[in-house]
Amino acid sequence: MNRNRDSCLPEWCGCGSRPVLRWSATDSNPGRLFVGCPNYNTVGKRWCGLFLWVDKIQKEDAVTCDGKTSSSNDNEE
């Protein structure tokens, strides 16, 4: 999976498609945003397993994708 250098979100999923942003419609996570494979929960299509909760990604924004902490100046121009 290729990742955008400014984000922990992958640019492409394992199926070779761009990930999509969706809202959960389950009783346990109503309206919760997630990013995933466009084939997720699609009848007749296999999906690669890409599934990320957006709020978990936002909480981890102080840590870069490779696990190193970023300084407060990293986001300033």
PDB file of N, CA and C in Angstrom:
ATOM      1  N   MET A   1       0.825  -1.178   0.000  1.00  0.00           N
ATOM      2  CA  MET A   1       0.000   0.000   0.000  1.00  0.00           C
ATOM      3  C   MET A   1       0.873   1.245   0.000  1.00  0.00           C
ATOM      4  N   ASN A   2       0.604   2.153  -0.907  1.00  0.00           N
ATOM      5  CA  ASN A   2       1.304   3.427  -0.919  1.00  0.00           C
ATOM      6  C   ASN A   2       0.584   4.394  -0.004  1.00  0.00           C
ATOM      7  N   ARG A   3       1.365   5.162   0.748  1.00  0.00           N
ATOM      8  CA  ARG A   3       0.771   6.135   1.661  1.00  0.00           C
ATOM      9  C   ARG A   3       1.164   7.539   1.227  1.00  0.00           C
ATOM     10  N   ASN A   4       0.235   8.461   1.383  1.00  0.00           N
ATOM     11  CA  ASN A   4       0.486   9.861   1.148  1.00  0.00           C
ATOM     12  C   ASN A   4       1.523  10.315   2.169  1.00  0.00           C
ATOM     13  N   ARG A   5       2.513  11.070   1.768  1.00  0.00           N
ATOM     14  CA  ARG A   5       3.588  11.436   2.695  1.00  0.00           C
ATOM     15  C   ARG A   5       3.117  12.358   3.816  1.00  0.00           C
ATOM     16  N   ASP A   6       1.982  13.034   3.645  1.00  0.00           N
ATOM     17  CA  ASP A   6       1.454  13.927   4.671  1.00  0.00           C
ATOM     18  C   ASP A   6       0.356  13.282   5.508  1.00  0.00           C
ATOM     19  N   SER A   7       0.074  12.029   5.276  1.00  0.00           N
ATOM     20  CA  SER A   7      -1.046  11.382   5.946  1.00  0.00           C
ATOM     21  C   SER A   7      -0.757   9.914   6.184  1.00  0.00           C
ATOM     22  N   CYS A   8      -1.411   9.345   7.185  1.00  0.00           N
ATOM     23  CA  CYS A   8      -1.308   7.911   7.433  1.00  0.00           C
ATOM     24  C   CYS A   8      -2.295   7.133   6.583  1.00  0.00           C
ATOM     25  N   LEU A   9      -3.095   7.821   5.812  1.00  0.00           N
ATOM     26  CA  LEU A   9      -4.053   7.146   4.939  1.00  0.00           C
ATOM     27  C   LEU A   9      -3.354   6.648   3.678  1.00  0.00           C
ATOM     28  N   PRO A  10      -3.629   5.422   3.290  1.00  0.00           N
ATOM     29  CA  PRO A  10      -3.038   4.911   2.056  1.00  0.00           C
ATOM     30  C   PRO A  10      -3.670   5.580   0.836  1.00  0.00           C
ATOM     31  N   GLU A  11      -2.876   5.799  -0.210  1.00  0.00           N
ATOM     32  CA  GLU A  11      -3.397   6.366  -1.445  1.00  0.00           C
ATOM     33  C   GLU A  11      -4.154   5.321  -2.250  1.00  0.00           C
ATOM     34  N   TRP A  12      -3.755   4.066  -2.110  1.00  0.00           N
ATOM     35  CA  TRP A  12      -4.362   2.960  -2.853  1.00  0.00           C
ATOM     36  C   TRP A  12      -4.622   1.810  -1.895  1.00  0.00           C
ATOM     37  N   CYS A  13      -5.698   1.079  -2.113  1.00  0.00           N
ATOM     38  CA  CYS A  13      -5.954  -0.103  -1.296  1.00  0.00           C
ATOM     39  C   CYS A  13      -5.306  -1.312  -1.967  1.00  0.00           C
ATOM     40  N   GLY A  14      -5.379  -2.449  -1.336  1.00  0.00           N
ATOM     41  CA  GLY A  14      -4.778  -3.663  -1.863  1.00  0.00           C
ATOM     42  C   GLY A  14      -5.416  -4.157  -3.147  1.00  0.00           C
ATOM     43  N   CYS A  15      -6.598  -3.655  -3.463  1.00  0.00           N
ATOM     44  CA  CYS A  15      -7.290  -4.028  -4.709  1.00  0.00           C
ATOM     45  C   CYS A  15      -6.853  -3.156  -5.880  1.00  0.00           C
ATOM     46  N   GLY A  16      -6.012  -2.143  -5.596  1.00  0.00           N
ATOM     47  CA  GLY A  16      -5.566  -1.237  -6.650  1.00  0.00           C
ATOM     48  C   GLY A  16      -6.510  -0.077  -6.890  1.00  0.00           C
ATOM     49  N   SER A  17      -7.437   0.147  -5.971  1.00  0.00           N
ATOM     50  CA  SER A  17      -8.396   1.245  -6.091  1.00  0.00           C
ATOM     51  C   SER A  17      -8.114   2.303  -5.034  1.00  0.00           C
ATOM     52  N   ARG A  18      -8.666   3.481  -5.238  1.00  0.00           N
ATOM     53  CA  ARG A  18      -8.553   4.541  -4.236  1.00  0.00           C
ATOM     54  C   ARG A  18      -9.502   4.243  -3.079  1.00  0.00           C
ATOM     55  N   PRO A  19      -9.041   4.382  -1.839  1.00  0.00           N
ATOM     56  CA  PRO A  19      -9.934   4.194  -0.689  1.00  0.00           C
ATOM     57  C   PRO A  19     -11.063   5.226  -0.707  1.00  0.00           C
ATOM     58  N   VAL A  20     -12.168   4.883  -0.093  1.00  0.00           N
ATOM     59  CA  VAL A  20     -13.328   5.772  -0.041  1.00  0.00           C
ATOM     60  C   VAL A  20     -13.679   6.094   1.407  1.00  0.00           C
ATOM     61  N   LEU A  21     -14.299   7.252   1.602  1.00  0.00           N
ATOM     62  CA  LEU A  21     -14.775   7.682   2.912  1.00  0.00           C
ATOM     63  C   LEU A  21     -16.248   7.319   3.011  1.00  0.00           C
ATOM     64  N   ARG A  22     -16.616   6.651   4.099  1.00  0.00           N
ATOM     65  CA  ARG A  22     -18.005   6.235   4.296  1.00  0.00           C
ATOM     66  C   ARG A  22     -18.423   6.470   5.745  1.00  0.00           C
ATOM     67  N   TRP A  23     -19.734   6.419   5.971  1.00  0.00           N
ATOM     68  CA  TRP A  23     -20.304   6.523   7.300  1.00  0.00           C
ATOM     69  C   TRP A  23     -20.861   5.172   7.703  1.00  0.00           C
ATOM     70  N   SER A  24     -20.579   4.762   8.911  1.00  0.00           N
ATOM     71  CA  SER A  24     -21.095   3.499   9.422  1.00  0.00           C
ATOM     72  C   SER A  24     -22.601   3.610   9.652  1.00  0.00           C
ATOM     73  N   ALA A  25     -23.300   2.546   9.339  1.00  0.00           N
ATOM     74  CA  ALA A  25     -24.746   2.496   9.558  1.00  0.00           C
ATOM     75  C   ALA A  25     -25.117   1.414  10.574  1.00  0.00           C
ATOM     76  N   THR A  26     -24.121   0.947  11.330  1.00  0.00           N
ATOM     77  CA  THR A  26     -24.390  -0.100  12.313  1.00  0.00           C
ATOM     78  C   THR A  26     -24.942   0.500  13.603  1.00  0.00           C
ATOM     79  N   ASP A  27     -25.618  -0.322  14.376  1.00  0.00           N
ATOM     80  CA  ASP A  27     -26.147   0.134  15.665  1.00  0.00           C
ATOM     81  C   ASP A  27     -25.026   0.475  16.645  1.00  0.00           C
ATOM     82  N   SER A  28     -23.905  -0.230  16.547  1.00  0.00           N
ATOM     83  CA  SER A  28     -22.806  -0.009  17.493  1.00  0.00           C
ATOM     84  C   SER A  28     -21.931   1.195  17.136  1.00  0.00           C
ATOM     85  N   ASN A  29     -21.945   1.639  15.879  1.00  0.00           N
ATOM     86  CA  ASN A  29     -21.130   2.784  15.446  1.00  0.00           C
ATOM     87  C   ASN A  29     -21.916   3.689  14.494  1.00  0.00           C
ATOM     88  N   PRO A  30     -23.090   4.165  14.880  1.00  0.00           N
ATOM     89  CA  PRO A  30     -23.903   4.947  13.949  1.00  0.00           C
ATOM     90  C   PRO A  30     -23.241   6.264  13.557  1.00  0.00           C
ATOM     91  N   GLY A  31     -23.134   6.495  12.260  1.00  0.00           N
ATOM     92  CA  GLY A  31     -22.588   7.743  11.751  1.00  0.00           C
ATOM     93  C   GLY A  31     -21.086   7.902  11.875  1.00  0.00           C
ATOM     94  N   ARG A  32     -20.398   6.901  12.350  1.00  0.00           N
ATOM     95  CA  ARG A  32     -18.948   6.987  12.534  1.00  0.00           C
ATOM     96  C   ARG A  32     -18.250   6.873  11.175  1.00  0.00           C
ATOM     97  N   LEU A  33     -17.330   7.789  10.911  1.00  0.00           N
ATOM     98  CA  LEU A  33     -16.624   7.814   9.629  1.00  0.00           C
ATOM     99  C   LEU A  33     -15.521   6.768   9.566  1.00  0.00           C
ATOM    100  N   PHE A  34     -15.381   6.149   8.404  1.00  0.00           N
ATOM    101  CA  PHE A  34     -14.268   5.241   8.169  1.00  0.00           C
ATOM    102  C   PHE A  34     -13.800   5.358   6.729  1.00  0.00           C
ATOM    103  N   VAL A  35     -12.557   4.974   6.509  1.00  0.00           N
ATOM    104  CA  VAL A  35     -11.966   4.934   5.179  1.00  0.00           C
ATOM    105  C   VAL A  35     -11.696   3.474   4.876  1.00  0.00           C
ATOM    106  N   GLY A  36     -12.010   3.070   3.662  1.00  0.00           N
ATOM    107  CA  GLY A  36     -11.786   1.671   3.335  1.00  0.00           C
ATOM    108  C   GLY A  36     -11.779   1.392   1.856  1.00  0.00           C
ATOM    109  N   CYS A  37     -11.581   0.132   1.564  1.00  0.00           N
ATOM    110  CA  CYS A  37     -11.620  -0.368   0.199  1.00  0.00           C
ATOM    111  C   CYS A  37     -13.013  -0.096  -0.381  1.00  0.00           C
ATOM    112  N   PRO A  38     -13.103   0.358  -1.632  1.00  0.00           N
ATOM    113  CA  PRO A  38     -14.422   0.606  -2.217  1.00  0.00           C
ATOM    114  C   PRO A  38     -15.259  -0.663  -2.365  1.00  0.00           C
ATOM    115  N   ASN A  39     -14.625  -1.832  -2.298  1.00  0.00           N
ATOM    116  CA  ASN A  39     -15.356  -3.096  -2.404  1.00  0.00           C
ATOM    117  C   ASN A  39     -15.879  -3.596  -1.063  1.00  0.00           C
ATOM    118  N   TYR A  40     -15.584  -2.890   0.028  1.00  0.00           N
ATOM    119  CA  TYR A  40     -16.045  -3.303   1.356  1.00  0.00           C
ATOM    120  C   TYR A  40     -17.568  -3.359   1.397  1.00  0.00           C
ATOM    121  N   ASN A  41     -18.090  -4.454   1.912  1.00  0.00           N
ATOM    122  CA  ASN A  41     -19.531  -4.636   2.088  1.00  0.00           C
ATOM    123  C   ASN A  41     -20.303  -4.531   0.772  1.00  0.00           C
ATOM    124  N   THR A  42     -19.681  -4.966  -0.326  1.00  0.00           N
ATOM    125  CA  THR A  42     -20.306  -4.944  -1.640  1.00  0.00           C
ATOM    126  C   THR A  42     -20.580  -6.374  -2.076  1.00  0.00           C
ATOM    127  N   VAL A  43     -21.799  -6.660  -2.404  1.00  0.00           N
ATOM    128  CA  VAL A  43     -22.198  -8.011  -2.796  1.00  0.00           C
ATOM    129  C   VAL A  43     -21.487  -8.416  -4.085  1.00  0.00           C
ATOM    130  N   GLY A  44     -20.882  -9.592  -4.057  1.00  0.00           N
ATOM    131  CA  GLY A  44     -20.254 -10.148  -5.247  1.00  0.00           C
ATOM    132  C   GLY A  44     -18.837  -9.682  -5.517  1.00  0.00           C
ATOM    133  N   LYS A  45     -18.294  -8.806  -4.680  1.00  0.00           N
ATOM    134  CA  LYS A  45     -16.925  -8.327  -4.882  1.00  0.00           C
ATOM    135  C   LYS A  45     -16.084  -8.680  -3.672  1.00  0.00           C
ATOM    136  N   ARG A  46     -14.843  -9.039  -3.920  1.00  0.00           N
ATOM    137  CA  ARG A  46     -13.910  -9.320  -2.830  1.00  0.00           C
ATOM    138  C   ARG A  46     -13.236  -8.016  -2.434  1.00  0.00           C
ATOM    139  N   TRP A  47     -12.944  -7.897  -1.161  1.00  0.00           N
ATOM    140  CA  TRP A  47     -12.262  -6.683  -0.705  1.00  0.00           C
ATOM    141  C   TRP A  47     -10.931  -7.043  -0.073  1.00  0.00           C
ATOM    142  N   CYS A  48     -10.004  -6.111  -0.079  1.00  0.00           N
ATOM    143  CA  CYS A  48      -8.628  -6.358   0.357  1.00  0.00           C
ATOM    144  C   CYS A  48      -8.456  -6.297   1.875  1.00  0.00           C
ATOM    145  N   GLY A  49      -9.429  -5.790   2.591  1.00  0.00           N
ATOM    146  CA  GLY A  49      -9.328  -5.703   4.044  1.00  0.00           C
ATOM    147  C   GLY A  49      -8.995  -4.316   4.566  1.00  0.00           C
ATOM    148  N   LEU A  50      -8.793  -3.353   3.676  1.00  0.00           N
ATOM    149  CA  LEU A  50      -8.493  -1.997   4.136  1.00  0.00           C
ATOM    150  C   LEU A  50      -9.718  -1.409   4.835  1.00  0.00           C
ATOM    151  N   PHE A  51      -9.545  -1.047   6.104  1.00  0.00           N
ATOM    152  CA  PHE A  51     -10.618  -0.463   6.908  1.00  0.00           C
ATOM    153  C   PHE A  51      -9.964   0.312   8.043  1.00  0.00           C
ATOM    154  N   LEU A  52     -10.183   1.621   8.086  1.00  0.00           N
ATOM    155  CA  LEU A  52      -9.603   2.475   9.128  1.00  0.00           C
ATOM    156  C   LEU A  52     -10.666   3.435   9.654  1.00  0.00           C
ATOM    157  N   TRP A  53     -10.836   3.476  10.978  1.00  0.00           N
ATOM    158  CA  TRP A  53     -11.731   4.462  11.575  1.00  0.00           C
ATOM    159  C   TRP A  53     -11.052   5.826  11.499  1.00  0.00           C
ATOM    160  N   VAL A  54     -11.748   6.829  11.004  1.00  0.00           N
ATOM    161  CA  VAL A  54     -11.185   8.170  10.850  1.00  0.00           C
ATOM    162  C   VAL A  54     -10.836   8.779  12.203  1.00  0.00           C
ATOM    163  N   ASP A  55     -11.678   8.603  13.218  1.00  0.00           N
ATOM    164  CA  ASP A  55     -11.391   9.213  14.520  1.00  0.00           C
ATOM    165  C   ASP A  55     -10.147   8.622  15.171  1.00  0.00           C
ATOM    166  N   LYS A  56      -9.837   7.369  14.910  1.00  0.00           N
ATOM    167  CA  LYS A  56      -8.608   6.775  15.454  1.00  0.00           C
ATOM    168  C   LYS A  56      -7.383   7.368  14.767  1.00  0.00           C
ATOM    169  N   ILE A  57      -7.492   7.639  13.476  1.00  0.00           N
ATOM    170  CA  ILE A  57      -6.386   8.250  12.738  1.00  0.00           C
ATOM    171  C   ILE A  57      -6.143   9.654  13.276  1.00  0.00           C
ATOM    172  N   GLN A  58      -7.208  10.410  13.526  1.00  0.00           N
ATOM    173  CA  GLN A  58      -7.082  11.774  14.027  1.00  0.00           C
ATOM    174  C   GLN A  58      -6.452  11.809  15.410  1.00  0.00           C
ATOM    175  N   LYS A  59      -6.761  10.840  16.269  1.00  0.00           N
ATOM    176  CA  LYS A  59      -6.186  10.795  17.614  1.00  0.00           C
ATOM    177  C   LYS A  59      -4.698  10.494  17.579  1.00  0.00           C
ATOM    178  N   GLU A  60      -4.259   9.823  16.540  1.00  0.00           N
ATOM    179  CA  GLU A  60      -2.861   9.430  16.437  1.00  0.00           C
ATOM    180  C   GLU A  60      -2.055  10.403  15.582  1.00  0.00           C
ATOM    181  N   ASP A  61      -2.580  11.618  15.333  1.00  0.00           N
ATOM    182  CA  ASP A  61      -1.894  12.542  14.443  1.00  0.00           C
ATOM    183  C   ASP A  61      -0.593  13.093  15.008  1.00  0.00           C
ATOM    184  N   ALA A  62      -0.321  12.901  16.279  1.00  0.00           N
ATOM    185  CA  ALA A  62       0.954  13.335  16.854  1.00  0.00           C
ATOM    186  C   ALA A  62       2.073  12.343  16.543  1.00  0.00           C
ATOM    187  N   VAL A  63       1.716  11.187  16.042  1.00  0.00           N
ATOM    188  CA  VAL A  63       2.702  10.166  15.681  1.00  0.00           C
ATOM    189  C   VAL A  63       2.642   9.968  14.182  1.00  0.00           C
ATOM    190  N   THR A  64       3.784   9.982  13.537  1.00  0.00           N
ATOM    191  CA  THR A  64       3.808   9.782  12.096  1.00  0.00           C
ATOM    192  C   THR A  64       3.533   8.331  11.767  1.00  0.00           C
ATOM    193  N   CYS A  65       3.319   8.041  10.510  1.00  0.00           N
ATOM    194  CA  CYS A  65       2.954   6.694  10.077  1.00  0.00           C
ATOM    195  C   CYS A  65       4.013   5.656  10.398  1.00  0.00           C
ATOM    196  N   ASP A  66       5.264   6.065  10.495  1.00  0.00           N
ATOM    197  CA  ASP A  66       6.319   5.093  10.778  1.00  0.00           C
ATOM    198  C   ASP A  66       6.556   4.930  12.278  1.00  0.00           C
ATOM    199  N   GLY A  67       5.703   5.557  13.108  1.00  0.00           N
ATOM    200  CA  GLY A  67       5.787   5.374  14.549  1.00  0.00           C
ATOM    201  C   GLY A  67       6.642   6.391  15.272  1.00  0.00           C
ATOM    202  N   LYS A  68       7.294   7.291  14.550  1.00  0.00           N
ATOM    203  CA  LYS A  68       8.121   8.322  15.181  1.00  0.00           C
ATOM    204  C   LYS A  68       7.251   9.512  15.547  1.00  0.00           C
ATOM    205  N   THR A  69       7.533  10.120  16.688  1.00  0.00           N
ATOM    206  CA  THR A  69       6.761  11.296  17.078  1.00  0.00           C
ATOM    207  C   THR A  69       7.210  12.483  16.251  1.00  0.00           C
ATOM    208  N   SER A  70       6.247  13.358  15.963  1.00  0.00           N
ATOM    209  CA  SER A  70       6.571  14.544  15.187  1.00  0.00           C
ATOM    210  C   SER A  70       6.618  15.740  16.120  1.00  0.00           C
ATOM    211  N   SER A  71       7.417  16.735  15.767  1.00  0.00           N
ATOM    212  CA  SER A  71       7.503  17.938  16.592  1.00  0.00           C
ATOM    213  C   SER A  71       6.351  18.863  16.250  1.00  0.00           C
ATOM    214  N   SER A  72       6.079  19.832  17.104  1.00  0.00           N
ATOM    215  CA  SER A  72       4.976  20.758  16.867  1.00  0.00           C
ATOM    216  C   SER A  72       5.243  21.650  15.667  1.00  0.00           C
ATOM    217  N   ASN A  73       6.483  21.772  15.215  1.00  0.00           N
ATOM    218  CA  ASN A  73       6.823  22.610  14.076  1.00  0.00           C
ATOM    219  C   ASN A  73       6.603  21.913  12.744  1.00  0.00           C
ATOM    220  N   ASP A  74       6.362  20.616  12.745  1.00  0.00           N
ATOM    221  CA  ASP A  74       6.224  19.871  11.499  1.00  0.00           C
ATOM    222  C   ASP A  74       5.058  20.345  10.644  1.00  0.00           C
ATOM    223  N   ASN A  75       4.018  20.896  11.251  1.00  0.00           N
ATOM    224  CA  ASN A  75       2.844  21.310  10.501  1.00  0.00           C
ATOM    225  C   ASN A  75       2.852  22.791  10.167  1.00  0.00           C
ATOM    226  N   GLU A  76       3.861  23.508  10.597  1.00  0.00           N
ATOM    227  CA  GLU A  76       3.934  24.937  10.332  1.00  0.00           C
ATOM    228  C   GLU A  76       4.755  25.189   9.089  1.00  0.00           C
ATOM    229  N   GLU A  77       4.384  26.255   8.370  1.00  0.00           N
ATOM    230  CA  GLU A  77       5.130  26.599   7.160  1.00  0.00           C
ATOM    231  C   GLU A  77       6.172  27.644   7.445  1.00  0.00           C
TER     232      GLU A  77
END
